[in-house]
Amino acid sequence: MIQPMVTEIQELVDRYVRWLQDKTTLRQVDNWVEITTPYLDRHNDHLQMYAKKQGTGYLLTDDGYILNDLELQGCKLDSPKRQALLKQALNGFGVRQNTSTGALEVPASADNFPQRKHAMVQAMLAVNDLFYLASPNVANLFYEDVVAWLETNDVRFTQGVKFAGKSGYDRLFDFVIPRSPKHKQPERIVQTISRPSKAEADEVVLKWFDTKDTRPPDSKMFTIVNDIGGVPSGVLEEMRNYGIFSVPWNERDTVVGELAA
């Protein structure tokens, strides 16, 4: 039963790579090349970045789009807390903010261009998600709630850990809890899902199966899912069907023993 599932997920990963290639378009704009990606922002517009030669390498930039758009939507990242969240989002992908222009940037070489382009897209999406800080109904960030819960229960964890996937791309996970030989617990990888959807479930499944074979064979994957506003039908089931322990926030105490040991 295991091998057919591996074959199925491998085909999904292969299709994902083909989809990236087929849906990416280029256009010359003066000294820059405009790269239109298949990824969508919250307006359902395709994310775009720009590349140009810089010395012996290249510079990738969003030309200030992401942060300017956030500010136009009333989400100013001017408080210390929001600046810290911005830096955390960017540092996780090795992307920097140009303090003069507000643009997100990352240098690249011919050798690491694919990885840096992928990192740029992921950073743009992560910062784009900071829009939800503007909502007056958000009292606490779900991620912070999970951190506080882990700390309260004396769970030893490392935040923001990247693992290399079979696809060649790095995958960023929210938390990793190391192996505990004393309590016979394996490595546990934990991902938070603050706005559950089928797309989020698909992404988590791909991330896990892209990196699973590079981790110890007994590693476990957990998702902590924000169910305060409800969870769409089939989201938890999809992840569970692929061996991911998906736990609604309101049932989080059921896995304290496995995570804290």
C-alpha atoms as a PDB file:
ATOM      1  CA  MET A   1       0.000   0.000   0.000  1.00  0.00           C
ATOM      2  CA  ILE A   2       2.914   2.378   0.651  1.00  0.00           C
ATOM      3  CA  GLN A   3       4.640   2.258  -2.742  1.00  0.00           C
ATOM      4  CA  PRO A   4       1.551   3.207  -4.821  1.00  0.00           C
ATOM      5  CA  MET A   5       1.049   6.237  -2.566  1.00  0.00           C
ATOM      6  CA  VAL A   6       4.688   7.304  -3.038  1.00  0.00           C
ATOM      7  CA  THR A   7       4.234   6.982  -6.790  1.00  0.00           C
ATOM      8  CA  GLU A   8       1.067   9.060  -6.613  1.00  0.00           C
ATOM      9  CA  ILE A   9       2.712  11.859  -4.625  1.00  0.00           C
ATOM     10  CA  GLN A  10       5.804  11.791  -6.871  1.00  0.00           C
ATOM     11  CA  GLU A  11       3.529  12.379  -9.854  1.00  0.00           C
ATOM     12  CA  LEU A  12       1.937  15.324  -8.008  1.00  0.00           C
ATOM     13  CA  VAL A  13       5.383  16.784  -7.309  1.00  0.00           C
ATOM     14  CA  ASP A  14       6.382  16.317 -10.981  1.00  0.00           C
ATOM     15  CA  ARG A  15       3.159  17.968 -12.107  1.00  0.00           C
ATOM     16  CA  TYR A  16       3.822  20.857  -9.732  1.00  0.00           C
ATOM     17  CA  VAL A  17       7.243  21.491 -11.304  1.00  0.00           C
ATOM     18  CA  ARG A  18       5.758  21.327 -14.826  1.00  0.00           C
ATOM     19  CA  TRP A  19       2.998  23.716 -13.764  1.00  0.00           C
ATOM     20  CA  LEU A  20       5.596  26.235 -12.531  1.00  0.00           C
ATOM     21  CA  GLN A  21       7.429  26.088 -15.857  1.00  0.00           C
ATOM     22  CA  ASP A  22       4.327  26.281 -18.049  1.00  0.00           C
ATOM     23  CA  LYS A  23       2.686  29.173 -16.155  1.00  0.00           C
ATOM     24  CA  THR A  24       5.744  31.409 -15.801  1.00  0.00           C
ATOM     25  CA  THR A  25       6.111  34.153 -18.445  1.00  0.00           C
ATOM     26  CA  LEU A  26       8.854  36.697 -19.156  1.00  0.00           C
ATOM     27  CA  ARG A  27       8.774  40.213 -20.644  1.00  0.00           C
ATOM     28  CA  GLN A  28      11.594  42.693 -21.284  1.00  0.00           C
ATOM     29  CA  VAL A  29      11.082  46.068 -19.533  1.00  0.00           C
ATOM     30  CA  ASP A  30      14.031  48.388 -20.238  1.00  0.00           C
ATOM     31  CA  ASN A  31      17.007  46.834 -18.418  1.00  0.00           C
ATOM     32  CA  TRP A  32      14.786  44.499 -16.414  1.00  0.00           C
ATOM     33  CA  VAL A  33      12.998  41.260 -17.182  1.00  0.00           C
ATOM     34  CA  GLU A  34       9.492  41.062 -15.766  1.00  0.00           C
ATOM     35  CA  ILE A  35       8.722  37.566 -14.419  1.00  0.00           C
ATOM     36  CA  THR A  36       5.036  36.731 -14.037  1.00  0.00           C
ATOM     37  CA  THR A  37       4.479  33.717 -11.809  1.00  0.00           C
ATOM     38  CA  PRO A  38       1.442  31.447 -11.431  1.00  0.00           C
ATOM     39  CA  TYR A  39       1.132  32.346  -7.753  1.00  0.00           C
ATOM     40  CA  LEU A  40      -1.752  34.631  -6.778  1.00  0.00           C
ATOM     41  CA  ASP A  41      -1.914  37.364  -4.167  1.00  0.00           C
ATOM     42  CA  ARG A  42      -5.057  38.065  -2.142  1.00  0.00           C
ATOM     43  CA  HIS A  43      -6.465  40.121  -5.062  1.00  0.00           C
ATOM     44  CA  ASN A  44      -6.140  37.019  -7.282  1.00  0.00           C
ATOM     45  CA  ASP A  45      -3.484  38.847  -9.309  1.00  0.00           C
ATOM     46  CA  HIS A  46      -0.406  36.946 -10.451  1.00  0.00           C
ATOM     47  CA  LEU A  47       2.684  37.818  -8.455  1.00  0.00           C
ATOM     48  CA  GLN A  48       5.357  39.545 -10.508  1.00  0.00           C
ATOM     49  CA  MET A  49       9.016  40.197  -9.854  1.00  0.00           C
ATOM     50  CA  TYR A  50      11.799  41.787 -11.853  1.00  0.00           C
ATOM     51  CA  ALA A  51      15.327  40.584 -12.584  1.00  0.00           C
ATOM     52  CA  LYS A  52      18.395  42.330 -13.955  1.00  0.00           C
ATOM     53  CA  LYS A  53      22.099  41.714 -14.236  1.00  0.00           C
ATOM     54  CA  GLN A  54      24.133  42.941 -11.284  1.00  0.00           C
ATOM     55  CA  GLY A  55      27.856  42.408 -11.625  1.00  0.00           C
ATOM     56  CA  THR A  56      28.404  38.712 -12.276  1.00  0.00           C
ATOM     57  CA  GLY A  57      24.988  37.805 -10.846  1.00  0.00           C
ATOM     58  CA  TYR A  58      21.419  39.042 -10.761  1.00  0.00           C
ATOM     59  CA  LEU A  59      19.079  41.069  -8.583  1.00  0.00           C
ATOM     60  CA  LEU A  60      15.471  40.002  -8.021  1.00  0.00           C
ATOM     61  CA  THR A  61      12.957  42.563  -6.727  1.00  0.00           C
ATOM     62  CA  ASP A  62       9.215  43.060  -6.352  1.00  0.00           C
ATOM     63  CA  ASP A  63       9.680  46.793  -7.155  1.00  0.00           C
ATOM     64  CA  GLY A  64       7.965  47.690  -3.875  1.00  0.00           C
ATOM     65  CA  TYR A  65       4.617  46.150  -4.827  1.00  0.00           C
ATOM     66  CA  ILE A  66       3.949  44.027  -1.740  1.00  0.00           C
ATOM     67  CA  LEU A  67       4.616  46.628   0.976  1.00  0.00           C
ATOM     68  CA  ASN A  68       3.010  49.466  -1.017  1.00  0.00           C
ATOM     69  CA  ASP A  69      -0.104  47.368  -1.511  1.00  0.00           C
ATOM     70  CA  LEU A  70      -0.295  46.556   2.202  1.00  0.00           C
ATOM     71  CA  GLU A  71      -0.066  50.235   3.092  1.00  0.00           C
ATOM     72  CA  LEU A  72      -2.763  51.172   0.559  1.00  0.00           C
ATOM     73  CA  GLN A  73      -5.031  48.595   2.192  1.00  0.00           C
ATOM     74  CA  GLY A  74      -4.525  50.193   5.602  1.00  0.00           C
ATOM     75  CA  CYS A  75      -1.952  47.734   6.921  1.00  0.00           C
ATOM     76  CA  LYS A  76       1.046  49.848   7.881  1.00  0.00           C
ATOM     77  CA  LEU A  77       3.951  47.821   9.184  1.00  0.00           C
ATOM     78  CA  ASP A  78       5.164  50.649  11.398  1.00  0.00           C
ATOM     79  CA  SER A  79       4.871  49.171  14.891  1.00  0.00           C
ATOM     80  CA  PRO A  80       7.794  47.286  16.474  1.00  0.00           C
ATOM     81  CA  LYS A  81       5.715  44.103  16.543  1.00  0.00           C
ATOM     82  CA  ARG A  82       4.805  44.325  12.849  1.00  0.00           C
ATOM     83  CA  GLN A  83       8.356  45.215  11.891  1.00  0.00           C
ATOM     84  CA  ALA A  84       9.537  42.154  13.797  1.00  0.00           C
ATOM     85  CA  LEU A  85       7.004  39.999  11.929  1.00  0.00           C
ATOM     86  CA  LEU A  86       8.157  41.469   8.609  1.00  0.00           C
ATOM     87  CA  LYS A  87      11.792  40.718   9.400  1.00  0.00           C
ATOM     88  CA  GLN A  88      10.898  37.205  10.531  1.00  0.00           C
ATOM     89  CA  ALA A  89       9.005  36.561   7.294  1.00  0.00           C
ATOM     90  CA  LEU A  90      11.869  37.864   5.141  1.00  0.00           C
ATOM     91  CA  ASN A  91      14.713  36.277   7.098  1.00  0.00           C
ATOM     92  CA  GLY A  92      13.093  32.876   6.753  1.00  0.00           C
ATOM     93  CA  PHE A  93      13.700  33.076   3.001  1.00  0.00           C
ATOM     94  CA  GLY A  94      16.929  35.091   2.915  1.00  0.00           C
ATOM     95  CA  VAL A  95      15.143  38.097   1.369  1.00  0.00           C
ATOM     96  CA  ARG A  96      15.867  41.687   2.404  1.00  0.00           C
ATOM     97  CA  GLN A  97      13.932  44.950   2.396  1.00  0.00           C
ATOM     98  CA  ASN A  98      15.472  47.905   0.583  1.00  0.00           C
ATOM     99  CA  THR A  99      14.975  50.605   3.210  1.00  0.00           C
ATOM    100  CA  SER A 100      15.194  53.373   0.590  1.00  0.00           C
ATOM    101  CA  THR A 101      12.523  52.054  -1.780  1.00  0.00           C
ATOM    102  CA  GLY A 102      10.579  49.558   0.329  1.00  0.00           C
ATOM    103  CA  ALA A 103      11.188  46.885  -2.296  1.00  0.00           C
ATOM    104  CA  LEU A 104      11.806  43.264  -1.389  1.00  0.00           C
ATOM    105  CA  GLU A 105      15.086  42.087  -2.897  1.00  0.00           C
ATOM    106  CA  VAL A 106      17.371  39.102  -3.090  1.00  0.00           C
ATOM    107  CA  PRO A 107      20.660  38.672  -4.982  1.00  0.00           C
ATOM    108  CA  ALA A 108      21.172  35.561  -7.080  1.00  0.00           C
ATOM    109  CA  SER A 109      23.854  33.813  -9.055  1.00  0.00           C
ATOM    110  CA  ALA A 110      23.466  31.652 -12.134  1.00  0.00           C
ATOM    111  CA  ASP A 111      23.827  28.580  -9.924  1.00  0.00           C
ATOM    112  CA  ASN A 112      21.230  29.450  -7.278  1.00  0.00           C
ATOM    113  CA  PHE A 113      18.805  31.492  -9.401  1.00  0.00           C
ATOM    114  CA  PRO A 114      15.958  28.886  -9.231  1.00  0.00           C
ATOM    115  CA  GLN A 115      16.196  28.624  -5.428  1.00  0.00           C
ATOM    116  CA  ARG A 116      16.405  32.409  -4.960  1.00  0.00           C
ATOM    117  CA  LYS A 117      13.446  32.981  -7.281  1.00  0.00           C
ATOM    118  CA  HIS A 118      11.451  30.419  -5.310  1.00  0.00           C
ATOM    119  CA  ALA A 119      12.501  32.098  -2.038  1.00  0.00           C
ATOM    120  CA  MET A 120      11.403  35.476  -3.413  1.00  0.00           C
ATOM    121  CA  VAL A 121       7.945  34.159  -4.321  1.00  0.00           C
ATOM    122  CA  GLN A 122       7.531  32.551  -0.899  1.00  0.00           C
ATOM    123  CA  ALA A 123       8.642  35.749   0.854  1.00  0.00           C
ATOM    124  CA  MET A 124       6.174  37.829  -1.199  1.00  0.00           C
ATOM    125  CA  LEU A 125       3.356  35.461  -0.266  1.00  0.00           C
ATOM    126  CA  ALA A 126       4.354  35.461   3.410  1.00  0.00           C
ATOM    127  CA  VAL A 127       4.506  39.263   3.611  1.00  0.00           C
ATOM    128  CA  ASN A 128       1.286  39.514   1.599  1.00  0.00           C
ATOM    129  CA  ASP A 129      -0.364  37.460   4.357  1.00  0.00           C
ATOM    130  CA  LEU A 130       0.489  40.188   6.872  1.00  0.00           C
ATOM    131  CA  PHE A 131      -2.553  41.983   5.417  1.00  0.00           C
ATOM    132  CA  TYR A 132      -4.655  40.038   7.872  1.00  0.00           C
ATOM    133  CA  LEU A 133      -3.052  42.006  10.710  1.00  0.00           C
ATOM    134  CA  ALA A 134      -5.212  44.923   9.535  1.00  0.00           C
ATOM    135  CA  SER A 135      -8.409  43.125  10.507  1.00  0.00           C
ATOM    136  CA  PRO A 136      -9.888  44.585  13.734  1.00  0.00           C
ATOM    137  CA  ASN A 137     -11.265  41.132  14.581  1.00  0.00           C
ATOM    138  CA  VAL A 138      -7.800  39.637  14.970  1.00  0.00           C
ATOM    139  CA  ALA A 139      -6.914  39.879  18.660  1.00  0.00           C
ATOM    140  CA  ASN A 140      -3.928  37.547  18.532  1.00  0.00           C
ATOM    141  CA  LEU A 141      -2.025  35.935  15.724  1.00  0.00           C
ATOM    142  CA  PHE A 142      -2.688  32.226  15.548  1.00  0.00           C
ATOM    143  CA  TYR A 143       1.015  31.519  15.224  1.00  0.00           C
ATOM    144  CA  GLU A 144       1.695  33.370  18.462  1.00  0.00           C
ATOM    145  CA  ASP A 145      -1.077  31.434  20.171  1.00  0.00           C
ATOM    146  CA  VAL A 146       0.583  28.178  19.138  1.00  0.00           C
ATOM    147  CA  VAL A 147       3.986  29.381  20.385  1.00  0.00           C
ATOM    148  CA  ALA A 148       2.472  30.353  23.747  1.00  0.00           C
ATOM    149  CA  TRP A 149       0.711  26.986  24.006  1.00  0.00           C
ATOM    150  CA  LEU A 150       3.907  25.050  23.248  1.00  0.00           C
ATOM    151  CA  GLU A 151       5.866  27.068  25.796  1.00  0.00           C
ATOM    152  CA  THR A 152       3.164  26.666  28.459  1.00  0.00           C
ATOM    153  CA  ASN A 153       3.359  22.913  28.021  1.00  0.00           C
ATOM    154  CA  ASP A 154       7.184  22.849  28.184  1.00  0.00           C
ATOM    155  CA  VAL A 155       7.546  21.643  24.596  1.00  0.00           C
ATOM    156  CA  ARG A 156      11.133  21.988  23.339  1.00  0.00           C
ATOM    157  CA  PHE A 157      11.044  23.351  19.794  1.00  0.00           C
ATOM    158  CA  THR A 158      12.971  25.243  17.146  1.00  0.00           C
ATOM    159  CA  GLN A 159      11.102  27.827  15.068  1.00  0.00           C
ATOM    160  CA  GLY A 160      11.317  28.385  11.314  1.00  0.00           C
ATOM    161  CA  VAL A 161      13.299  25.351  10.132  1.00  0.00           C
ATOM    162  CA  LYS A 162      13.993  24.700   6.437  1.00  0.00           C
ATOM    163  CA  PHE A 163      14.521  21.242   4.969  1.00  0.00           C
ATOM    164  CA  ALA A 164      15.656  20.480   1.428  1.00  0.00           C
ATOM    165  CA  GLY A 165      13.043  18.643  -0.627  1.00  0.00           C
ATOM    166  CA  LYS A 166      13.452  16.048  -3.357  1.00  0.00           C
ATOM    167  CA  SER A 167      12.279  18.708  -5.825  1.00  0.00           C
ATOM    168  CA  GLY A 168      15.409  20.736  -5.071  1.00  0.00           C
ATOM    169  CA  TYR A 169      13.487  23.467  -3.271  1.00  0.00           C
ATOM    170  CA  ASP A 170      13.771  24.289   0.428  1.00  0.00           C
ATOM    171  CA  ARG A 171      10.599  23.841   2.479  1.00  0.00           C
ATOM    172  CA  LEU A 172      10.001  25.997   5.558  1.00  0.00           C
ATOM    173  CA  PHE A 173       8.215  24.489   8.556  1.00  0.00           C
ATOM    174  CA  ASP A 174       6.994  26.445  11.582  1.00  0.00           C
ATOM    175  CA  PHE A 175       8.414  24.217  14.330  1.00  0.00           C
ATOM    176  CA  VAL A 176      10.606  21.155  14.758  1.00  0.00           C
ATOM    177  CA  ILE A 177      10.626  19.197  18.007  1.00  0.00           C
ATOM    178  CA  PRO A 178      13.775  17.064  18.274  1.00  0.00           C
ATOM    179  CA  ARG A 179      13.861  13.318  18.857  1.00  0.00           C
ATOM    180  CA  SER A 180      13.541  12.236  22.489  1.00  0.00           C
ATOM    181  CA  PRO A 181      15.200   8.820  22.999  1.00  0.00           C
ATOM    182  CA  LYS A 182      14.324   8.909  26.703  1.00  0.00           C
ATOM    183  CA  HIS A 183      10.597   9.030  25.936  1.00  0.00           C
ATOM    184  CA  LYS A 184      10.905   7.040  22.699  1.00  0.00           C
ATOM    185  CA  GLN A 185       9.576   9.923  20.636  1.00  0.00           C
ATOM    186  CA  PRO A 186      10.799  10.616  17.065  1.00  0.00           C
ATOM    187  CA  GLU A 187      11.433  13.965  15.423  1.00  0.00           C
ATOM    188  CA  ARG A 188       8.141  15.886  15.188  1.00  0.00           C
ATOM    189  CA  ILE A 189       7.530  18.592  12.594  1.00  0.00           C
ATOM    190  CA  VAL A 190       4.688  21.012  13.295  1.00  0.00           C
ATOM    191  CA  GLN A 191       2.982  23.382  10.843  1.00  0.00           C
ATOM    192  CA  THR A 192       0.313  25.912  11.798  1.00  0.00           C
ATOM    193  CA  ILE A 193      -2.651  26.536   9.502  1.00  0.00           C
ATOM    194  CA  SER A 194      -4.372  29.768  10.454  1.00  0.00           C
ATOM    195  CA  ARG A 195      -6.851  29.908   7.538  1.00  0.00           C
ATOM    196  CA  PRO A 196      -7.678  26.300   6.632  1.00  0.00           C
ATOM    197  CA  SER A 197      -8.597  25.559   3.015  1.00  0.00           C
ATOM    198  CA  LYS A 198      -8.124  22.795   0.475  1.00  0.00           C
ATOM    199  CA  ALA A 199      -5.280  24.782  -1.088  1.00  0.00           C
ATOM    200  CA  GLU A 200      -3.514  24.932   2.294  1.00  0.00           C
ATOM    201  CA  ALA A 201      -4.022  21.194   2.791  1.00  0.00           C
ATOM    202  CA  ASP A 202      -2.611  20.487  -0.691  1.00  0.00           C
ATOM    203  CA  GLU A 203       0.435  22.637   0.059  1.00  0.00           C
ATOM    204  CA  VAL A 204       1.131  20.896   3.375  1.00  0.00           C
ATOM    205  CA  VAL A 205       0.833  17.443   1.770  1.00  0.00           C
ATOM    206  CA  LEU A 206       3.281  18.454  -0.977  1.00  0.00           C
ATOM    207  CA  LYS A 207       5.723  19.985   1.523  1.00  0.00           C
ATOM    208  CA  TRP A 208       5.672  16.869   3.688  1.00  0.00           C
ATOM    209  CA  PHE A 209       6.088  14.361   0.886  1.00  0.00           C
ATOM    210  CA  ASP A 210       8.749  16.491  -0.791  1.00  0.00           C
ATOM    211  CA  THR A 211      10.868  16.407   2.388  1.00  0.00           C
ATOM    212  CA  LYS A 212       9.770  13.189   4.109  1.00  0.00           C
ATOM    213  CA  ASP A 213      12.449  10.986   2.569  1.00  0.00           C
ATOM    214  CA  THR A 214      15.198  13.406   3.654  1.00  0.00           C
ATOM    215  CA  ARG A 215      14.181  13.116   7.326  1.00  0.00           C
ATOM    216  CA  PRO A 216      14.620  10.170   9.732  1.00  0.00           C
ATOM    217  CA  PRO A 217      12.220   7.375   8.712  1.00  0.00           C
ATOM    218  CA  ASP A 218      10.164   7.615  11.918  1.00  0.00           C
ATOM    219  CA  SER A 219       9.644  11.412  11.771  1.00  0.00           C
ATOM    220  CA  LYS A 220       6.070  12.591  12.274  1.00  0.00           C
ATOM    221  CA  MET A 221       4.252  15.542  10.757  1.00  0.00           C
ATOM    222  CA  PHE A 222       1.635  17.508  12.714  1.00  0.00           C
ATOM    223  CA  THR A 223      -0.592  20.401  11.696  1.00  0.00           C
ATOM    224  CA  ILE A 224      -2.298  22.626  14.270  1.00  0.00           C
ATOM    225  CA  VAL A 225      -5.384  23.975  12.505  1.00  0.00           C
ATOM    226  CA  ASN A 226      -7.262  27.123  13.474  1.00  0.00           C
ATOM    227  CA  ASP A 227     -10.868  25.928  13.704  1.00  0.00           C
ATOM    228  CA  ILE A 228     -12.305  29.024  15.398  1.00  0.00           C
ATOM    229  CA  GLY A 229     -14.109  30.059  12.215  1.00  0.00           C
ATOM    230  CA  GLY A 230     -14.737  26.460  11.145  1.00  0.00           C
ATOM    231  CA  VAL A 231     -12.763  24.126   8.899  1.00  0.00           C
ATOM    232  CA  PRO A 232     -13.954  23.398   5.337  1.00  0.00           C
ATOM    233  CA  SER A 233     -15.142  19.855   4.763  1.00  0.00           C
ATOM    234  CA  GLY A 234     -12.409  17.414   3.791  1.00  0.00           C
ATOM    235  CA  VAL A 235      -9.421  19.568   4.826  1.00  0.00           C
ATOM    236  CA  LEU A 236      -8.460  17.585   7.917  1.00  0.00           C
ATOM    237  CA  GLU A 237      -9.318  14.302   6.237  1.00  0.00           C
ATOM    238  CA  GLU A 238      -7.033  15.007   3.256  1.00  0.00           C
ATOM    239  CA  MET A 239      -4.000  15.567   5.458  1.00  0.00           C
ATOM    240  CA  ARG A 240      -4.813  12.611   7.703  1.00  0.00           C
ATOM    241  CA  ASN A 241      -5.138  10.336   4.681  1.00  0.00           C
ATOM    242  CA  TYR A 242      -1.480  11.057   3.921  1.00  0.00           C
ATOM    243  CA  GLY A 243      -0.273  10.270   7.435  1.00  0.00           C
ATOM    244  CA  ILE A 244      -0.259  13.838   8.770  1.00  0.00           C
ATOM    245  CA  PHE A 245      -1.567  14.256  12.314  1.00  0.00           C
ATOM    246  CA  SER A 246      -3.991  17.168  11.821  1.00  0.00           C
ATOM    247  CA  VAL A 247      -5.269  18.611  15.075  1.00  0.00           C
ATOM    248  CA  PRO A 248      -7.971  21.296  15.395  1.00  0.00           C
ATOM    249  CA  TRP A 249      -6.984  24.069  17.801  1.00  0.00           C
ATOM    250  CA  ASN A 250      -9.859  23.213  20.129  1.00  0.00           C
ATOM    251  CA  GLU A 251      -8.510  19.652  20.409  1.00  0.00           C
ATOM    252  CA  ARG A 252      -4.852  20.637  20.852  1.00  0.00           C
ATOM    253  CA  ASP A 253      -4.566  19.185  24.341  1.00  0.00           C
ATOM    254  CA  THR A 254      -4.994  15.692  22.889  1.00  0.00           C
ATOM    255  CA  VAL A 255      -1.453  15.816  21.476  1.00  0.00           C
ATOM    256  CA  VAL A 256       0.366  17.539  24.325  1.00  0.00           C
ATOM    257  CA  GLY A 257       1.755  14.217  25.507  1.00  0.00           C
ATOM    258  CA  GLU A 258       3.227  13.386  22.109  1.00  0.00           C
ATOM    259  CA  LEU A 259       4.774  16.814  21.594  1.00  0.00           C
ATOM    260  CA  ALA A 260       6.073  17.494  25.091  1.00  0.00           C
ATOM    261  CA  ALA A 261       7.784  14.145  25.618  1.00  0.00           C
END
